[in-house]
C-alpha atoms as a PDB file:
ATOM      1  CA  MET A   1     -10.722 -10.872 -16.778  1.00  0.00           C
ATOM      2  CA  GLY A   2     -11.205 -10.626 -13.015  1.00  0.00           C
ATOM      3  CA  PRO A   3     -10.006  -7.934 -10.648  1.00  0.00           C
ATOM      4  CA  ARG A   4      -6.316  -7.427  -9.959  1.00  0.00           C
ATOM      5  CA  ILE A   5      -5.298  -7.690  -6.288  1.00  0.00           C
ATOM      6  CA  ARG A   6      -2.951  -4.951  -5.056  1.00  0.00           C
ATOM      7  CA  VAL A   7      -1.474  -5.243  -1.571  1.00  0.00           C
ATOM      8  CA  SER A   8      -0.179  -2.129   0.125  1.00  0.00           C
ATOM      9  CA  GLY A   9       1.229  -1.188   3.487  1.00  0.00           C
ATOM     10  CA  ALA A  10       0.496   1.674   5.859  1.00  0.00           C
ATOM     11  CA  LEU A  11       3.824   2.244   7.617  1.00  0.00           C
ATOM     12  CA  ARG A  12       3.475   4.873  10.307  1.00  0.00           C
ATOM     13  CA  ARG A  13       6.541   6.279  11.979  1.00  0.00           C
ATOM     14  CA  GLY A  14       5.710   8.807  14.668  1.00  0.00           C
ATOM     15  CA  GLU A  15       3.335  11.310  13.118  1.00  0.00           C
ATOM     16  CA  ASN A  16       4.151  10.372   9.521  1.00  0.00           C
ATOM     17  CA  LEU A  17       2.916   7.853   6.975  1.00  0.00           C
ATOM     18  CA  LEU A  18       5.283   6.507   4.313  1.00  0.00           C
ATOM     19  CA  LEU A  19       4.134   7.072   0.726  1.00  0.00           C
ATOM     20  CA  ILE A  20       5.846   6.251  -2.546  1.00  0.00           C
ATOM     21  CA  GLU A  21       6.022   8.736  -5.388  1.00  0.00           C
ATOM     22  CA  HIS A  22       5.254   7.782  -8.977  1.00  0.00           C
ATOM     23  CA  THR A  23       5.948   9.971 -11.978  1.00  0.00           C
ATOM     24  CA  LYS A  24       4.078   9.197 -15.197  1.00  0.00           C
ATOM     25  CA  ASP A  25       3.970  11.528 -18.198  1.00  0.00           C
ATOM     26  CA  ASP A  26       5.310  14.413 -16.057  1.00  0.00           C
ATOM     27  CA  GLN A  27       2.491  13.841 -13.544  1.00  0.00           C
ATOM     28  CA  VAL A  28       3.483  13.148  -9.919  1.00  0.00           C
ATOM     29  CA  TYR A  29       1.191  11.179  -7.640  1.00  0.00           C
ATOM     30  CA  TYR A  30       1.509   9.143  -4.438  1.00  0.00           C
ATOM     31  CA  LEU A  31       0.478   5.678  -3.278  1.00  0.00           C
ATOM     32  CA  LEU A  32       0.983   3.456  -0.305  1.00  0.00           C
ATOM     33  CA  PRO A  33       3.975   1.175  -0.952  1.00  0.00           C
ATOM     34  CA  GLY A  34       2.983  -2.154  -2.455  1.00  0.00           C
ATOM     35  CA  GLY A  35       1.992  -3.768  -5.694  1.00  0.00           C
ATOM     36  CA  GLY A  36       0.370  -6.696  -7.394  1.00  0.00           C
ATOM     37  CA  ALA A  37      -0.052  -9.937  -5.508  1.00  0.00           C
ATOM     38  CA  GLU A  38       1.637 -12.815  -7.299  1.00  0.00           C
ATOM     39  CA  GLY A  39      -1.338 -15.142  -7.412  1.00  0.00           C
ATOM     40  CA  GLY A  40      -0.632 -18.804  -7.034  1.00  0.00           C
ATOM     41  CA  ILE A  41       2.839 -18.510  -5.533  1.00  0.00           C
ATOM     42  CA  GLU A  42       2.619 -16.322  -2.439  1.00  0.00           C
ATOM     43  CA  THR A  43       0.223 -15.129   0.263  1.00  0.00           C
ATOM     44  CA  LEU A  44      -0.875 -11.503   0.452  1.00  0.00           C
ATOM     45  CA  SER A  45       1.561 -10.950   3.336  1.00  0.00           C
ATOM     46  CA  GLN A  46       4.424 -12.493   1.347  1.00  0.00           C
ATOM     47  CA  SER A  47       3.555 -10.259  -1.611  1.00  0.00           C
ATOM     48  CA  LEU A  48       3.664  -7.173   0.590  1.00  0.00           C
ATOM     49  CA  VAL A  49       7.014  -8.136   2.149  1.00  0.00           C
ATOM     50  CA  ARG A  50       8.435  -8.649  -1.375  1.00  0.00           C
ATOM     51  CA  GLU A  51       7.058  -5.343  -2.665  1.00  0.00           C
ATOM     52  CA  PHE A  52       8.589  -3.321   0.199  1.00  0.00           C
ATOM     53  CA  GLU A  53      11.930  -5.016  -0.432  1.00  0.00           C
ATOM     54  CA  GLU A  54      11.770  -4.324  -4.188  1.00  0.00           C
ATOM     55  CA  GLU A  55      10.460  -0.751  -4.010  1.00  0.00           C
ATOM     56  CA  LEU A  56      12.147   0.625  -0.900  1.00  0.00           C
ATOM     57  CA  SER A  57      14.794  -1.932   0.160  1.00  0.00           C
ATOM     58  CA  MET A  58      12.962  -2.356   3.475  1.00  0.00           C
ATOM     59  CA  LYS A  59      12.250  -5.460   5.505  1.00  0.00           C
ATOM     60  CA  VAL A  60       8.767  -5.214   7.019  1.00  0.00           C
ATOM     61  CA  ILE A  61       6.517  -7.127   9.372  1.00  0.00           C
ATOM     62  CA  VAL A  62       2.925  -7.273   8.169  1.00  0.00           C
ATOM     63  CA  GLY A  63       0.233  -6.545  10.735  1.00  0.00           C
ATOM     64  CA  ASN A  64      -3.548  -6.257  10.576  1.00  0.00           C
ATOM     65  CA  LEU A  65      -5.612  -5.798   7.453  1.00  0.00           C
ATOM     66  CA  LEU A  66      -6.871  -2.207   7.754  1.00  0.00           C
ATOM     67  CA  MET A  67      -9.202  -1.859   4.808  1.00  0.00           C
ATOM     68  CA  VAL A  68     -10.259  -3.136   1.425  1.00  0.00           C
ATOM     69  CA  ALA A  69     -11.044  -0.740  -1.414  1.00  0.00           C
ATOM     70  CA  GLN A  70     -11.970  -1.379  -5.024  1.00  0.00           C
ATOM     71  CA  SER A  71     -11.375   0.960  -7.930  1.00  0.00           C
ATOM     72  CA  VAL A  72     -12.825   0.323 -11.366  1.00  0.00           C
ATOM     73  CA  ALA A  73     -11.876   2.371 -14.432  1.00  0.00           C
ATOM     74  CA  PRO A  74     -14.913   4.092 -15.996  1.00  0.00           C
ATOM     75  CA  ASP A  75     -14.289   2.279 -19.289  1.00  0.00           C
ATOM     76  CA  GLY A  76     -13.977  -1.072 -17.476  1.00  0.00           C
ATOM     77  CA  SER A  77     -10.379  -1.561 -18.593  1.00  0.00           C
ATOM     78  CA  ARG A  78      -9.048  -1.932 -15.044  1.00  0.00           C
ATOM     79  CA  ASN A  79     -10.520  -3.307 -11.844  1.00  0.00           C
ATOM     80  CA  ILE A  80      -8.245  -3.229  -8.799  1.00  0.00           C
ATOM     81  CA  VAL A  81      -8.975  -4.536  -5.311  1.00  0.00           C
ATOM     82  CA  HIS A  82      -6.684  -2.796  -2.818  1.00  0.00           C
ATOM     83  CA  MET A  83      -5.837  -4.783   0.336  1.00  0.00           C
ATOM     84  CA  ILE A  84      -4.275  -2.329   2.814  1.00  0.00           C
ATOM     85  CA  PHE A  85      -2.303  -3.717   5.760  1.00  0.00           C
ATOM     86  CA  GLU A  86      -0.493  -2.041   8.609  1.00  0.00           C
ATOM     87  CA  VAL A  87       3.238  -2.717   8.406  1.00  0.00           C
ATOM     88  CA  PHE A  88       6.148  -2.211  10.778  1.00  0.00           C
ATOM     89  CA  SER A  89       9.832  -1.633  10.096  1.00  0.00           C
ATOM     90  CA  GLU A  90      12.839   0.083  11.603  1.00  0.00           C
ATOM     91  CA  ASP A  91      14.593   0.214   8.205  1.00  0.00           C
ATOM     92  CA  HIS A  92      15.062   3.464   6.316  1.00  0.00           C
ATOM     93  CA  PRO A  93      13.493   3.631   2.849  1.00  0.00           C
ATOM     94  CA  LEU A  94      15.765   3.659  -0.187  1.00  0.00           C
ATOM     95  CA  VAL A  95      14.264   3.509  -3.680  1.00  0.00           C
ATOM     96  CA  GLY A  96      15.286   0.206  -5.273  1.00  0.00           C
ATOM     97  CA  GLU A  97      17.730   0.367  -8.172  1.00  0.00           C
ATOM     98  CA  ASN A  98      15.442  -1.631 -10.469  1.00  0.00           C
ATOM     99  CA  GLU A  99      12.344   0.455  -9.779  1.00  0.00           C
ATOM    100  CA  ASP A 100      11.410   2.500 -12.833  1.00  0.00           C
ATOM    101  CA  ARG A 101       7.919   3.375 -11.578  1.00  0.00           C
ATOM    102  CA  VAL A 102       8.953   4.666  -8.143  1.00  0.00           C
ATOM    103  CA  SER A 103      10.541   8.116  -8.396  1.00  0.00           C
ATOM    104  CA  GLY A 104      10.848   8.764  -4.655  1.00  0.00           C
ATOM    105  CA  PHE A 105       9.103   8.574  -1.307  1.00  0.00           C
ATOM    106  CA  LEU A 106       7.470  10.975   1.139  1.00  0.00           C
ATOM    107  CA  TRP A 107       6.881  10.942   4.885  1.00  0.00           C
ATOM    108  CA  PHE A 108       3.384  12.472   4.947  1.00  0.00           C
ATOM    109  CA  SER A 109       2.073  13.972   8.199  1.00  0.00           C
ATOM    110  CA  VAL A 110      -0.913  12.033   9.514  1.00  0.00           C
ATOM    111  CA  HIS A 111      -2.434  15.406  10.465  1.00  0.00           C
ATOM    112  CA  ALA A 112      -1.984  17.076   7.067  1.00  0.00           C
ATOM    113  CA  ASP A 113      -4.790  17.817   4.624  1.00  0.00           C
ATOM    114  CA  PRO A 114      -5.070  14.656   2.483  1.00  0.00           C
ATOM    115  CA  ASN A 115      -6.159  16.788  -0.476  1.00  0.00           C
ATOM    116  CA  CYS A 116      -2.839  18.636  -0.676  1.00  0.00           C
ATOM    117  CA  ILE A 117      -1.275  15.827  -2.757  1.00  0.00           C
ATOM    118  CA  SER A 118      -2.476  13.630  -5.603  1.00  0.00           C
ATOM    119  CA  PHE A 119      -3.052  10.190  -4.051  1.00  0.00           C
ATOM    120  CA  ARG A 120      -4.228   7.048  -5.845  1.00  0.00           C
ATOM    121  CA  PRO A 121      -6.750   5.654  -5.328  1.00  0.00           C
ATOM    122  CA  ASN A 122      -8.473   8.647  -3.759  1.00  0.00           C
ATOM    123  CA  ILE A 123      -8.737   7.132  -0.257  1.00  0.00           C
ATOM    124  CA  LEU A 124      -6.015   8.949   1.691  1.00  0.00           C
ATOM    125  CA  SER A 125      -8.519  10.598   4.051  1.00  0.00           C
ATOM    126  CA  GLN A 126      -9.988   7.181   4.942  1.00  0.00           C
ATOM    127  CA  VAL A 127      -6.515   5.656   5.455  1.00  0.00           C
ATOM    128  CA  LEU A 128      -5.531   8.529   7.760  1.00  0.00           C
ATOM    129  CA  GLU A 129      -8.806   8.174   9.668  1.00  0.00           C
ATOM    130  CA  GLN A 130      -8.098   4.481  10.301  1.00  0.00           C
ATOM    131  CA  ILE A 131      -4.484   4.897  11.405  1.00  0.00           C
ATOM    132  CA  ASN A 132      -5.367   7.857  13.627  1.00  0.00           C
ATOM    133  CA  ASN A 133      -7.999   5.784  15.456  1.00  0.00           C
ATOM    134  CA  PRO A 134      -6.261   3.977  18.347  1.00  0.00           C
ATOM    135  CA  ALA A 135      -9.380   1.899  19.067  1.00  0.00           C
ATOM    136  CA  TYR A 136      -9.366   0.304  15.595  1.00  0.00           C
ATOM    137  CA  ASN A 137      -7.683  -3.088  15.656  1.00  0.00           C
ATOM    138  CA  GLY A 138      -8.002  -4.050  12.003  1.00  0.00           C
ATOM    139  CA  LEU A 139      -9.473  -7.017  10.212  1.00  0.00           C
ATOM    140  CA  GLU A 140      -7.835 -10.381  10.627  1.00  0.00           C
ATOM    141  CA  PRO A 141      -6.624 -11.927   7.344  1.00  0.00           C
ATOM    142  CA  LEU A 142      -7.092 -15.697   7.265  1.00  0.00           C
ATOM    143  CA  TYR A 143      -4.938 -18.073   5.238  1.00  0.00           C
ATOM    144  CA  PRO A 144      -6.702 -21.428   5.527  1.00  0.00           C
ATOM    145  CA  GLU A 145      -5.034 -24.511   4.086  1.00  0.00           C
ATOM    146  CA  TRP A 146      -6.306 -25.339   0.613  1.00  0.00           C
ATOM    147  CA  ILE A 147      -8.513 -28.414   0.579  1.00  0.00           C
ATOM    148  CA  GLY A 148      -8.691 -29.948  -2.856  1.00  0.00           C
END
């Protein structure tokens, strides 16, 4: 089975980055909002818009692709390719009623120590470095028409 694609969004508001909180087996950890891309029926941007709506009841505009990261479980059971986009929204987050995985959200200071929370995958320092770099203009995602 091939890698799973996970789209996520870096939503910065002032000096804070929006994170979602997951609780699993009494363990709390944080992620960028997002989730699995629905292959075959939507683009990566459409997936990200849907995930923000489902998880946080927010309408977002998807911007540049900031980074791609891959995490593979040591036993090979999971292989996830993380596609991280900048996103914009004026909406206030509200955990969706049907979200059993999301236990809350956090506005994390972009100047805080990234090691002070449990973040998955372990790339928070790299994400903060990218969004704190005003000269970085992202990668451009391309959605060419399928030619069959």
